[in-house]
Amino acid sequence: GDNGVVVLRDGTIRGGDSFFYFVGSY
């Protein structure tokens, strides 16, 4: 489990926390 931040913009996802980053789409 963890906490972090994420940016949602026009179908794209970008975010992360202290150890991991992630990218994707929705």
PDB file of all heavy atoms in Angstrom:
ATOM      1  N   GLY A   1       0.848  -1.180   0.000  1.00  0.00           N
ATOM      2  CA  GLY A   1       0.000   0.000   0.000  1.00  0.00           C
ATOM      3  C   GLY A   1       0.880   1.223   0.000  1.00  0.00           C
ATOM      4  O   GLY A   1       2.058   1.156   0.375  1.00  0.00           O
ATOM      5  N   ASP A   2       0.316   2.338  -0.415  1.00  0.00           N
ATOM      6  CA  ASP A   2       1.123   3.546  -0.492  1.00  0.00           C
ATOM      7  C   ASP A   2       0.235   4.744  -0.765  1.00  0.00           C
ATOM      8  O   ASP A   2      -0.971   4.595  -0.987  1.00  0.00           O
ATOM      9  CB  ASP A   2       2.168   3.420  -1.602  1.00  0.00           C
ATOM     10  CG  ASP A   2       3.490   4.071  -1.230  1.00  0.00           C
ATOM     11  OD1 ASP A   2       3.512   4.923  -0.318  1.00  0.00           O
ATOM     12  OD2 ASP A   2       4.500   3.741  -1.861  1.00  0.00           O
ATOM     13  N   ASN A   3       0.856   5.910  -0.776  1.00  0.00           N
ATOM     14  CA  ASN A   3       0.205   7.161  -1.140  1.00  0.00           C
ATOM     15  C   ASN A   3       1.095   7.868  -2.143  1.00  0.00           C
ATOM     16  O   ASN A   3       2.317   7.737  -2.101  1.00  0.00           O
ATOM     17  CB  ASN A   3       0.015   8.054   0.095  1.00  0.00           C
ATOM     18  CG  ASN A   3      -0.902   7.421   1.101  1.00  0.00           C
ATOM     19  OD1 ASN A   3      -2.061   7.165   0.810  1.00  0.00           O
ATOM     20  ND2 ASN A   3      -0.381   7.139   2.283  1.00  0.00           N
ATOM     21  N   GLY A   4       0.471   8.625  -3.042  1.00  0.00           N
ATOM     22  CA  GLY A   4       1.230   9.359  -4.041  1.00  0.00           C
ATOM     23  C   GLY A   4       0.358  10.396  -4.706  1.00  0.00           C
ATOM     24  O   GLY A   4      -0.664  10.818  -4.142  1.00  0.00           O
ATOM     25  N   VAL A   5       0.751  10.806  -5.890  1.00  0.00           N
ATOM     26  CA  VAL A   5      -0.024  11.761  -6.679  1.00  0.00           C
ATOM     27  C   VAL A   5      -0.137  11.247  -8.107  1.00  0.00           C
ATOM     28  O   VAL A   5       0.698  10.473  -8.571  1.00  0.00           O
ATOM     29  CB  VAL A   5       0.593  13.182  -6.683  1.00  0.00           C
ATOM     30  CG1 VAL A   5       0.526  13.813  -5.304  1.00  0.00           C
ATOM     31  CG2 VAL A   5       2.011  13.161  -7.205  1.00  0.00           C
ATOM     32  N   VAL A   6      -1.197  11.688  -8.776  1.00  0.00           N
ATOM     33  CA  VAL A   6      -1.421  11.290 -10.158  1.00  0.00           C
ATOM     34  C   VAL A   6      -2.046  12.465 -10.903  1.00  0.00           C
ATOM     35  O   VAL A   6      -2.822  13.225 -10.342  1.00  0.00           O
ATOM     36  CB  VAL A   6      -2.317  10.029 -10.228  1.00  0.00           C
ATOM     37  CG1 VAL A   6      -3.665  10.262  -9.611  1.00  0.00           C
ATOM     38  CG2 VAL A   6      -2.467   9.536 -11.636  1.00  0.00           C
ATOM     39  N   VAL A   7      -1.654  12.617 -12.166  1.00  0.00           N
ATOM     40  CA  VAL A   7      -2.252  13.621 -13.045  1.00  0.00           C
ATOM     41  C   VAL A   7      -3.070  12.880 -14.093  1.00  0.00           C
ATOM     42  O   VAL A   7      -2.555  11.992 -14.783  1.00  0.00           O
ATOM     43  CB  VAL A   7      -1.177  14.495 -13.735  1.00  0.00           C
ATOM     44  CG1 VAL A   7      -1.812  15.423 -14.762  1.00  0.00           C
ATOM     45  CG2 VAL A   7      -0.397  15.287 -12.703  1.00  0.00           C
ATOM     46  N   LEU A   8      -4.356  13.223 -14.191  1.00  0.00           N
ATOM     47  CA  LEU A   8      -5.234  12.701 -15.237  1.00  0.00           C
ATOM     48  C   LEU A   8      -5.473  13.829 -16.223  1.00  0.00           C
ATOM     49  O   LEU A   8      -5.833  14.944 -15.824  1.00  0.00           O
ATOM     50  CB  LEU A   8      -6.570  12.246 -14.652  1.00  0.00           C
ATOM     51  CG  LEU A   8      -6.515  11.169 -13.577  1.00  0.00           C
ATOM     52  CD1 LEU A   8      -7.929  10.828 -13.111  1.00  0.00           C
ATOM     53  CD2 LEU A   8      -5.802   9.935 -14.071  1.00  0.00           C
ATOM     54  N   ARG A   9      -5.246  13.543 -17.500  1.00  0.00           N
ATOM     55  CA  ARG A   9      -5.445  14.579 -18.510  1.00  0.00           C
ATOM     56  C   ARG A   9      -5.815  13.925 -19.836  1.00  0.00           C
ATOM     57  O   ARG A   9      -5.009  13.229 -20.444  1.00  0.00           O
ATOM     58  CB  ARG A   9      -4.205  15.441 -18.678  1.00  0.00           C
ATOM     59  CG  ARG A   9      -4.420  16.560 -19.719  1.00  0.00           C
ATOM     60  CD  ARG A   9      -3.368  17.642 -19.704  1.00  0.00           C
ATOM     61  NE  ARG A   9      -3.464  18.420 -18.482  1.00  0.00           N
ATOM     62  CZ  ARG A   9      -2.509  18.499 -17.558  1.00  0.00           C
ATOM     63  NH1 ARG A   9      -1.380  17.843 -17.701  1.00  0.00           N
ATOM     64  NH2 ARG A   9      -2.679  19.232 -16.479  1.00  0.00           N
ATOM     65  N   ASP A  10      -7.055  14.166 -20.257  1.00  0.00           N
ATOM     66  CA  ASP A  10      -7.529  13.752 -21.588  1.00  0.00           C
ATOM     67  C   ASP A  10      -7.169  12.308 -21.934  1.00  0.00           C
ATOM     68  O   ASP A  10      -6.659  12.016 -23.014  1.00  0.00           O
ATOM     69  CB  ASP A  10      -6.982  14.696 -22.658  1.00  0.00           C
ATOM     70  CG  ASP A  10      -7.411  16.131 -22.431  1.00  0.00           C
ATOM     71  OD1 ASP A  10      -8.519  16.351 -21.897  1.00  0.00           O
ATOM     72  OD2 ASP A  10      -6.649  17.047 -22.789  1.00  0.00           O
ATOM     73  N   GLY A  11      -7.412  11.389 -21.004  1.00  0.00           N
ATOM     74  CA  GLY A  11      -7.182   9.978 -21.272  1.00  0.00           C
ATOM     75  C   GLY A  11      -5.799   9.465 -20.939  1.00  0.00           C
ATOM     76  O   GLY A  11      -5.512   8.293 -21.159  1.00  0.00           O
ATOM     77  N   THR A  12      -4.921  10.315 -20.390  1.00  0.00           N
ATOM     78  CA  THR A  12      -3.585   9.853 -19.999  1.00  0.00           C
ATOM     79  C   THR A  12      -3.420   9.940 -18.487  1.00  0.00           C
ATOM     80  O   THR A  12      -4.002  10.801 -17.829  1.00  0.00           O
ATOM     81  CB  THR A  12      -2.460  10.668 -20.667  1.00  0.00           C
ATOM     82  OG1 THR A  12      -2.545  12.025 -20.241  1.00  0.00           O
ATOM     83  CG2 THR A  12      -2.539  10.581 -22.179  1.00  0.00           C
ATOM     84  N   ILE A  13      -2.597   9.042 -17.960  1.00  0.00           N
ATOM     85  CA  ILE A  13      -2.299   8.969 -16.528  1.00  0.00           C
ATOM     86  C   ILE A  13      -0.788   9.075 -16.369  1.00  0.00           C
ATOM     87  O   ILE A  13      -0.034   8.380 -17.050  1.00  0.00           O
ATOM     88  CB  ILE A  13      -2.753   7.620 -15.940  1.00  0.00           C
ATOM     89  CG1 ILE A  13      -4.246   7.413 -16.129  1.00  0.00           C
ATOM     90  CG2 ILE A  13      -2.358   7.507 -14.474  1.00  0.00           C
ATOM     91  CD1 ILE A  13      -4.708   6.017 -15.746  1.00  0.00           C
ATOM     92  N   ARG A  14      -0.357   9.930 -15.436  1.00  0.00           N
ATOM     93  CA  ARG A  14       1.052  10.054 -15.078  1.00  0.00           C
ATOM     94  C   ARG A  14       1.106  10.254 -13.570  1.00  0.00           C
ATOM     95  O   ARG A  14       0.364  11.071 -13.029  1.00  0.00           O
ATOM     96  CB  ARG A  14       1.720  11.272 -15.741  1.00  0.00           C
ATOM     97  CG  ARG A  14       1.620  11.311 -17.248  1.00  0.00           C
ATOM     98  CD  ARG A  14       2.573  10.316 -17.872  1.00  0.00           C
ATOM     99  NE  ARG A  14       2.592  10.424 -19.310  1.00  0.00           N
ATOM    100  CZ  ARG A  14       1.879   9.676 -20.138  1.00  0.00           C
ATOM    101  NH1 ARG A  14       1.047   8.779 -19.667  1.00  0.00           N
ATOM    102  NH2 ARG A  14       1.979   9.814 -21.446  1.00  0.00           N
ATOM    103  N   GLY A  15       1.970   9.518 -12.888  1.00  0.00           N
ATOM    104  CA  GLY A  15       2.036   9.712 -11.442  1.00  0.00           C
ATOM    105  C   GLY A  15       3.124   8.901 -10.800  1.00  0.00           C
ATOM    106  O   GLY A  15       3.952   8.287 -11.475  1.00  0.00           O
ATOM    107  N   GLY A  16       3.096   8.893  -9.458  1.00  0.00           N
ATOM    108  CA  GLY A  16       4.075   8.124  -8.728  1.00  0.00           C
ATOM    109  C   GLY A  16       4.013   8.359  -7.239  1.00  0.00           C
ATOM    110  O   GLY A  16       3.144   9.070  -6.726  1.00  0.00           O
ATOM    111  N   ASP A  17       4.962   7.705  -6.554  1.00  0.00           N
ATOM    112  CA  ASP A  17       5.110   7.842  -5.117  1.00  0.00           C
ATOM    113  C   ASP A  17       6.601   7.859  -4.788  1.00  0.00           C
ATOM    114  O   ASP A  17       7.414   8.147  -5.657  1.00  0.00           O
ATOM    115  CB  ASP A  17       4.350   6.731  -4.380  1.00  0.00           C
ATOM    116  CG  ASP A  17       4.847   5.324  -4.722  1.00  0.00           C
ATOM    117  OD1 ASP A  17       6.012   5.160  -5.130  1.00  0.00           O
ATOM    118  OD2 ASP A  17       4.063   4.378  -4.568  1.00  0.00           O
ATOM    119  N   SER A  18       6.954   7.518  -3.574  1.00  0.00           N
ATOM    120  CA  SER A  18       8.351   7.586  -3.147  1.00  0.00           C
ATOM    121  C   SER A  18       9.278   6.622  -3.882  1.00  0.00           C
ATOM    122  O   SER A  18      10.474   6.866  -3.967  1.00  0.00           O
ATOM    123  CB  SER A  18       8.460   7.289  -1.649  1.00  0.00           C
ATOM    124  OG  SER A  18       7.730   8.229  -0.915  1.00  0.00           O
ATOM    125  N   PHE A  19       8.721   5.509  -4.409  1.00  0.00           N
ATOM    126  CA  PHE A  19       9.556   4.480  -5.026  1.00  0.00           C
ATOM    127  C   PHE A  19       9.216   4.162  -6.478  1.00  0.00           C
ATOM    128  O   PHE A  19      10.053   3.687  -7.217  1.00  0.00           O
ATOM    129  CB  PHE A  19       9.465   3.170  -4.218  1.00  0.00           C
ATOM    130  CG  PHE A  19       9.931   3.320  -2.812  1.00  0.00           C
ATOM    131  CD1 PHE A  19       9.020   3.476  -1.785  1.00  0.00           C
ATOM    132  CD2 PHE A  19      11.282   3.335  -2.503  1.00  0.00           C
ATOM    133  CE1 PHE A  19       9.450   3.622  -0.471  1.00  0.00           C
ATOM    134  CE2 PHE A  19      11.719   3.488  -1.205  1.00  0.00           C
ATOM    135  CZ  PHE A  19      10.796   3.634  -0.178  1.00  0.00           C
ATOM    136  N   PHE A  20       7.962   4.404  -6.889  1.00  0.00           N
ATOM    137  CA  PHE A  20       7.492   3.959  -8.192  1.00  0.00           C
ATOM    138  C   PHE A  20       6.892   5.105  -8.997  1.00  0.00           C
ATOM    139  O   PHE A  20       6.341   6.046  -8.427  1.00  0.00           O
ATOM    140  CB  PHE A  20       6.422   2.864  -8.033  1.00  0.00           C
ATOM    141  CG  PHE A  20       6.899   1.682  -7.259  1.00  0.00           C
ATOM    142  CD1 PHE A  20       6.710   1.608  -5.894  1.00  0.00           C
ATOM    143  CD2 PHE A  20       7.559   0.654  -7.895  1.00  0.00           C
ATOM    144  CE1 PHE A  20       7.160   0.524  -5.174  1.00  0.00           C
ATOM    145  CE2 PHE A  20       8.025  -0.445  -7.187  1.00  0.00           C
ATOM    146  CZ  PHE A  20       7.826  -0.503  -5.809  1.00  0.00           C
ATOM    147  N   TYR A  21       6.992   5.001 -10.308  1.00  0.00           N
ATOM    148  CA  TYR A  21       6.265   5.910 -11.191  1.00  0.00           C
ATOM    149  C   TYR A  21       5.401   5.060 -12.106  1.00  0.00           C
ATOM    150  O   TYR A  21       5.637   3.858 -12.273  1.00  0.00           O
ATOM    151  CB  TYR A  21       7.207   6.791 -12.014  1.00  0.00           C
ATOM    152  CG  TYR A  21       7.984   6.063 -13.076  1.00  0.00           C
ATOM    153  CD1 TYR A  21       7.483   5.948 -14.375  1.00  0.00           C
ATOM    154  CD2 TYR A  21       9.220   5.487 -12.800  1.00  0.00           C
ATOM    155  CE1 TYR A  21       8.201   5.272 -15.361  1.00  0.00           C
ATOM    156  CE2 TYR A  21       9.936   4.815 -13.769  1.00  0.00           C
ATOM    157  CZ  TYR A  21       9.419   4.712 -15.047  1.00  0.00           C
ATOM    158  OH  TYR A  21      10.119   4.039 -16.012  1.00  0.00           O
ATOM    159  N   PHE A  22       4.371   5.660 -12.657  1.00  0.00           N
ATOM    160  CA  PHE A  22       3.513   4.920 -13.571  1.00  0.00           C
ATOM    161  C   PHE A  22       2.974   5.827 -14.661  1.00  0.00           C
ATOM    162  O   PHE A  22       2.834   7.036 -14.474  1.00  0.00           O
ATOM    163  CB  PHE A  22       2.378   4.194 -12.835  1.00  0.00           C
ATOM    164  CG  PHE A  22       1.601   5.056 -11.891  1.00  0.00           C
ATOM    165  CD1 PHE A  22       0.507   5.775 -12.325  1.00  0.00           C
ATOM    166  CD2 PHE A  22       1.978   5.152 -10.569  1.00  0.00           C
ATOM    167  CE1 PHE A  22      -0.209   6.566 -11.458  1.00  0.00           C
ATOM    168  CE2 PHE A  22       1.262   5.945  -9.691  1.00  0.00           C
ATOM    169  CZ  PHE A  22       0.165   6.647 -10.144  1.00  0.00           C
ATOM    170  N   VAL A  23       2.729   5.227 -15.808  1.00  0.00           N
ATOM    171  CA  VAL A  23       2.170   5.910 -16.971  1.00  0.00           C
ATOM    172  C   VAL A  23       1.113   5.007 -17.588  1.00  0.00           C
ATOM    173  O   VAL A  23       1.208   3.780 -17.507  1.00  0.00           O
ATOM    174  CB  VAL A  23       3.254   6.254 -18.018  1.00  0.00           C
ATOM    175  CG1 VAL A  23       4.274   7.232 -17.462  1.00  0.00           C
ATOM    176  CG2 VAL A  23       3.951   5.006 -18.517  1.00  0.00           C
ATOM    177  N   GLY A  24       0.091   5.603 -18.176  1.00  0.00           N
ATOM    178  CA  GLY A  24      -0.940   4.787 -18.794  1.00  0.00           C
ATOM    179  C   GLY A  24      -2.033   5.606 -19.433  1.00  0.00           C
ATOM    180  O   GLY A  24      -1.872   6.802 -19.701  1.00  0.00           O
ATOM    181  N   SER A  25      -3.161   4.930 -19.642  1.00  0.00           N
ATOM    182  CA  SER A  25      -4.289   5.576 -20.304  1.00  0.00           C
ATOM    183  C   SER A  25      -5.592   5.064 -19.705  1.00  0.00           C
ATOM    184  O   SER A  25      -5.625   4.018 -19.051  1.00  0.00           O
ATOM    185  CB  SER A  25      -4.256   5.291 -21.809  1.00  0.00           C
ATOM    186  OG  SER A  25      -4.369   3.907 -22.038  1.00  0.00           O
ATOM    187  N   TYR A  26      -6.672   5.827 -19.940  1.00  0.00           N
ATOM    188  CA  TYR A  26      -7.984   5.448 -19.427  1.00  0.00           C
ATOM    189  C   TYR A  26      -9.065   5.950 -20.375  1.00  0.00           C
ATOM    190  O   TYR A  26      -8.827   6.810 -21.229  1.00  0.00           O
ATOM    191  CB  TYR A  26      -8.215   6.033 -18.027  1.00  0.00           C
ATOM    192  CG  TYR A  26      -8.233   7.534 -17.989  1.00  0.00           C
ATOM    193  CD1 TYR A  26      -9.421   8.246 -18.154  1.00  0.00           C
ATOM    194  CD2 TYR A  26      -7.064   8.261 -17.794  1.00  0.00           C
ATOM    195  CE1 TYR A  26      -9.434   9.630 -18.131  1.00  0.00           C
ATOM    196  CE2 TYR A  26      -7.069   9.641 -17.765  1.00  0.00           C
ATOM    197  CZ  TYR A  26      -8.260  10.321 -17.931  1.00  0.00           C
ATOM    198  OH  TYR A  26      -8.266  11.691 -17.916  1.00  0.00           O
TER     199      TYR A  26
END
